[in-house]
Amino acid sequence: MNWILYLMRHAQAVPGTSLLSDKDRTLTEQGKQDALNVGMKLRTDNSNINLILSSPATRALSTAHLVAQEINMDTNKIQQEEIIYRADKIEILKILNTISDSVTSALLVGHYPSIIELHNYLSTTKEIATMNTAELCALTFEMPWSELTESSGQHEFSYHPYLDNL
């Protein structure tokens, strides 16, 4: 049996200002469209996501909500995890290790650079240098979530709605 972890960097957000905290930054119109496009890709690919984990930052949570709507998942089931915002790959891995084995496909919506660091820590087959906003990548594992560790997953694909439509 395989488990699939989708890692997504939040969609494009408005620039930070002195009037708006980093955590409260909202999505741009382009960001909203990109998040919807990622959701459409996941739906078209029959991703069967059972769980969405998200940073509580507005831009990440909004991204997660838009994707959830596109894949017909109840947005009330999105699990917010503060540690995803604070960005440490080992702490995020500890959250992944607690996922129930009945969840076969999960999406984690996070931030740069921790989302890349987590991917590279888990992947045996490909290292990525960067992820654009709204970029999605998938890793597969032949072990349950509780056993995920360094170099335990295989990179399956990367997808970016804007770059793929050029």
Protein backbone atom coordinates (compact mmCIF):
# COMPACT_ATOMS: atom_id res chain seq x y z
CA MET A 1 0.00 0.00 0.00
CA ASN A 2 1.19 3.53 -0.76
CA TRP A 3 0.55 6.75 1.11
CA ILE A 4 0.67 10.06 -0.77
CA LEU A 5 1.73 13.40 0.64
CA TYR A 6 1.02 16.49 -1.40
CA LEU A 7 3.08 19.51 -0.40
CA MET A 8 1.86 22.90 -1.52
CA ARG A 9 3.28 26.33 -1.01
CA HIS A 10 0.50 28.81 -0.29
CA ALA A 11 -0.76 30.80 -3.27
CA GLN A 12 0.38 34.35 -4.07
CA ALA A 13 -0.30 36.81 -1.26
CA VAL A 14 -0.41 40.58 -1.04
CA PRO A 15 2.92 42.13 -0.03
CA GLY A 16 3.55 42.71 3.63
CA THR A 17 3.07 46.22 5.01
CA SER A 18 3.54 47.89 8.36
CA LEU A 19 -0.27 47.86 8.73
CA LEU A 20 -0.65 44.13 8.11
CA SER A 21 1.10 41.38 10.05
CA ASP A 22 2.78 38.64 8.06
CA LYS A 23 0.30 36.11 9.38
CA ASP A 24 -2.67 38.19 8.17
CA ARG A 25 -1.59 38.62 4.54
CA THR A 26 -4.42 37.67 2.16
CA LEU A 27 -4.35 36.13 -1.30
CA THR A 28 -4.20 38.20 -4.46
CA GLU A 29 -6.76 37.54 -7.20
CA GLN A 30 -4.07 35.61 -9.08
CA GLY A 31 -3.36 33.62 -5.93
CA LYS A 32 -7.03 32.70 -5.57
CA GLN A 33 -7.19 31.54 -9.18
CA ASP A 34 -3.97 29.52 -8.83
CA ALA A 35 -5.31 27.78 -5.71
CA LEU A 36 -8.53 26.90 -7.53
CA ASN A 37 -6.49 25.56 -10.47
CA VAL A 38 -4.45 23.33 -8.15
CA GLY A 39 -7.70 22.04 -6.68
CA MET A 40 -9.03 21.31 -10.18
CA LYS A 41 -5.84 19.38 -11.00
CA LEU A 42 -6.14 17.34 -7.82
CA ARG A 43 -9.81 16.61 -8.58
CA THR A 44 -9.05 15.68 -12.20
CA ASP A 45 -6.22 13.40 -11.05
CA ASN A 46 -8.55 11.70 -8.53
CA SER A 47 -6.19 12.54 -5.69
CA ASN A 48 -8.62 11.26 -3.02
CA ILE A 49 -7.20 13.56 -0.35
CA ASN A 50 -8.47 12.48 3.07
CA LEU A 51 -6.82 15.23 5.12
CA ILE A 52 -5.63 18.80 4.64
CA LEU A 53 -3.12 20.25 7.08
CA SER A 54 -2.51 23.98 6.90
CA SER A 55 -0.56 26.75 8.50
CA PRO A 56 -2.97 29.11 10.28
CA ALA A 57 -1.59 32.08 8.30
CA THR A 58 -4.43 33.65 6.31
CA ARG A 59 -2.72 33.09 2.94
CA ALA A 60 -2.13 29.39 3.63
CA LEU A 61 -5.54 28.75 5.16
CA SER A 62 -7.27 30.55 2.27
CA THR A 63 -5.27 28.41 -0.17
CA ALA A 64 -6.31 25.25 1.69
CA HIS A 65 -9.99 26.33 1.67
CA LEU A 66 -10.00 27.00 -2.08
CA VAL A 67 -8.35 23.65 -2.83
CA ALA A 68 -10.77 21.86 -0.48
CA GLN A 69 -13.75 23.43 -2.24
CA GLU A 70 -12.48 22.24 -5.62
CA ILE A 71 -11.99 18.65 -4.43
CA ASN A 72 -15.37 18.64 -2.64
CA MET A 73 -13.89 18.32 0.83
CA ASP A 74 -15.59 19.86 3.86
CA THR A 75 -13.51 22.95 4.70
CA ASN A 76 -14.35 22.45 8.40
CA LYS A 77 -12.11 19.38 8.30
CA ILE A 78 -8.99 21.38 7.47
CA GLN A 79 -6.58 20.87 10.33
CA GLN A 80 -4.64 24.03 11.28
CA GLU A 81 -1.19 23.46 12.73
CA GLU A 82 0.72 26.41 14.17
CA ILE A 83 4.03 24.60 13.75
CA ILE A 84 3.64 24.70 9.95
CA TYR A 85 3.75 28.50 10.16
CA ARG A 86 6.79 28.50 12.42
CA ALA A 87 8.55 26.35 9.84
CA ASP A 88 10.76 23.56 11.11
CA LYS A 89 10.85 20.42 8.95
CA ILE A 90 11.41 18.03 11.88
CA GLU A 91 8.50 19.50 13.85
CA ILE A 92 6.28 19.26 10.77
CA LEU A 93 7.40 15.65 10.30
CA LYS A 94 6.30 14.91 13.87
CA ILE A 95 2.80 16.09 12.90
CA LEU A 96 2.85 13.86 9.80
CA ASN A 97 3.90 10.92 11.99
CA THR A 98 0.64 11.25 13.97
CA ILE A 99 -1.68 10.95 10.95
CA SER A 100 -3.96 7.92 11.09
CA ASP A 101 -3.02 5.10 8.73
CA SER A 102 -6.58 5.22 7.39
CA VAL A 103 -5.61 8.53 5.72
CA THR A 104 -3.99 7.45 2.48
CA SER A 105 -3.63 10.86 0.85
CA ALA A 106 -2.88 14.15 2.63
CA LEU A 107 -2.21 17.72 1.54
CA LEU A 108 0.00 20.02 3.58
CA VAL A 109 -0.19 23.75 2.76
CA GLY A 110 2.84 25.61 4.05
CA HIS A 111 5.49 28.23 3.52
CA TYR A 112 8.86 28.84 1.94
CA PRO A 113 11.47 27.60 2.82
CA SER A 114 10.19 24.87 5.18
CA ILE A 115 7.99 23.24 2.53
CA ILE A 116 11.07 22.74 0.32
CA GLU A 117 13.21 21.60 3.24
CA LEU A 118 10.56 19.03 4.21
CA HIS A 119 10.32 17.76 0.62
CA ASN A 120 14.09 17.42 0.30
CA TYR A 121 14.37 15.73 3.70
CA LEU A 122 11.75 13.12 2.79
CA SER A 123 12.57 12.52 -0.89
CA THR A 124 15.00 9.89 -2.08
CA THR A 125 14.61 10.63 -5.77
CA LYS A 126 14.64 14.38 -6.32
CA GLU A 127 15.81 17.49 -4.57
CA ILE A 128 14.09 20.76 -5.40
CA ALA A 129 15.73 24.16 -5.07
CA THR A 130 12.62 26.29 -4.93
CA MET A 131 8.83 26.27 -5.07
CA ASN A 132 6.80 29.08 -6.54
CA THR A 133 3.64 30.22 -4.79
CA ALA A 134 0.80 27.73 -5.42
CA GLU A 135 3.26 25.08 -6.55
CA LEU A 136 2.36 21.52 -5.66
CA CYS A 137 4.52 18.43 -5.45
CA ALA A 138 3.71 14.86 -4.51
CA LEU A 139 5.67 12.26 -2.59
CA THR A 140 4.69 8.62 -2.23
CA PHE A 141 5.64 6.35 0.63
CA GLU A 142 5.49 2.58 1.01
CA MET A 143 5.14 2.88 4.77
CA PRO A 144 2.50 4.36 7.08
CA TRP A 145 2.73 7.94 8.31
CA SER A 146 4.13 6.91 11.68
CA GLU A 147 7.23 5.51 9.96
CA LEU A 148 8.04 8.46 7.70
CA THR A 149 11.61 9.59 8.13
CA GLU A 150 14.51 11.03 6.19
CA SER A 151 14.76 9.73 2.60
CA SER A 152 11.65 7.59 2.88
CA GLY A 153 9.58 8.98 0.00
CA GLN A 154 9.67 9.14 -3.76
CA HIS A 155 9.03 12.39 -5.62
CA GLU A 156 6.23 11.75 -8.11
CA PHE A 157 5.60 15.13 -9.74
CA SER A 158 5.57 18.88 -9.40
CA TYR A 159 2.81 21.12 -10.72
CA HIS A 160 2.39 24.87 -10.94
CA PRO A 161 -0.85 26.23 -12.41
CA TYR A 162 0.72 29.35 -13.91
CA LEU A 163 3.86 27.74 -15.35
CA ASP A 164 1.93 24.79 -16.75
CA ASN A 165 -0.38 27.15 -18.65
CA LEU A 166 2.34 29.11 -20.47
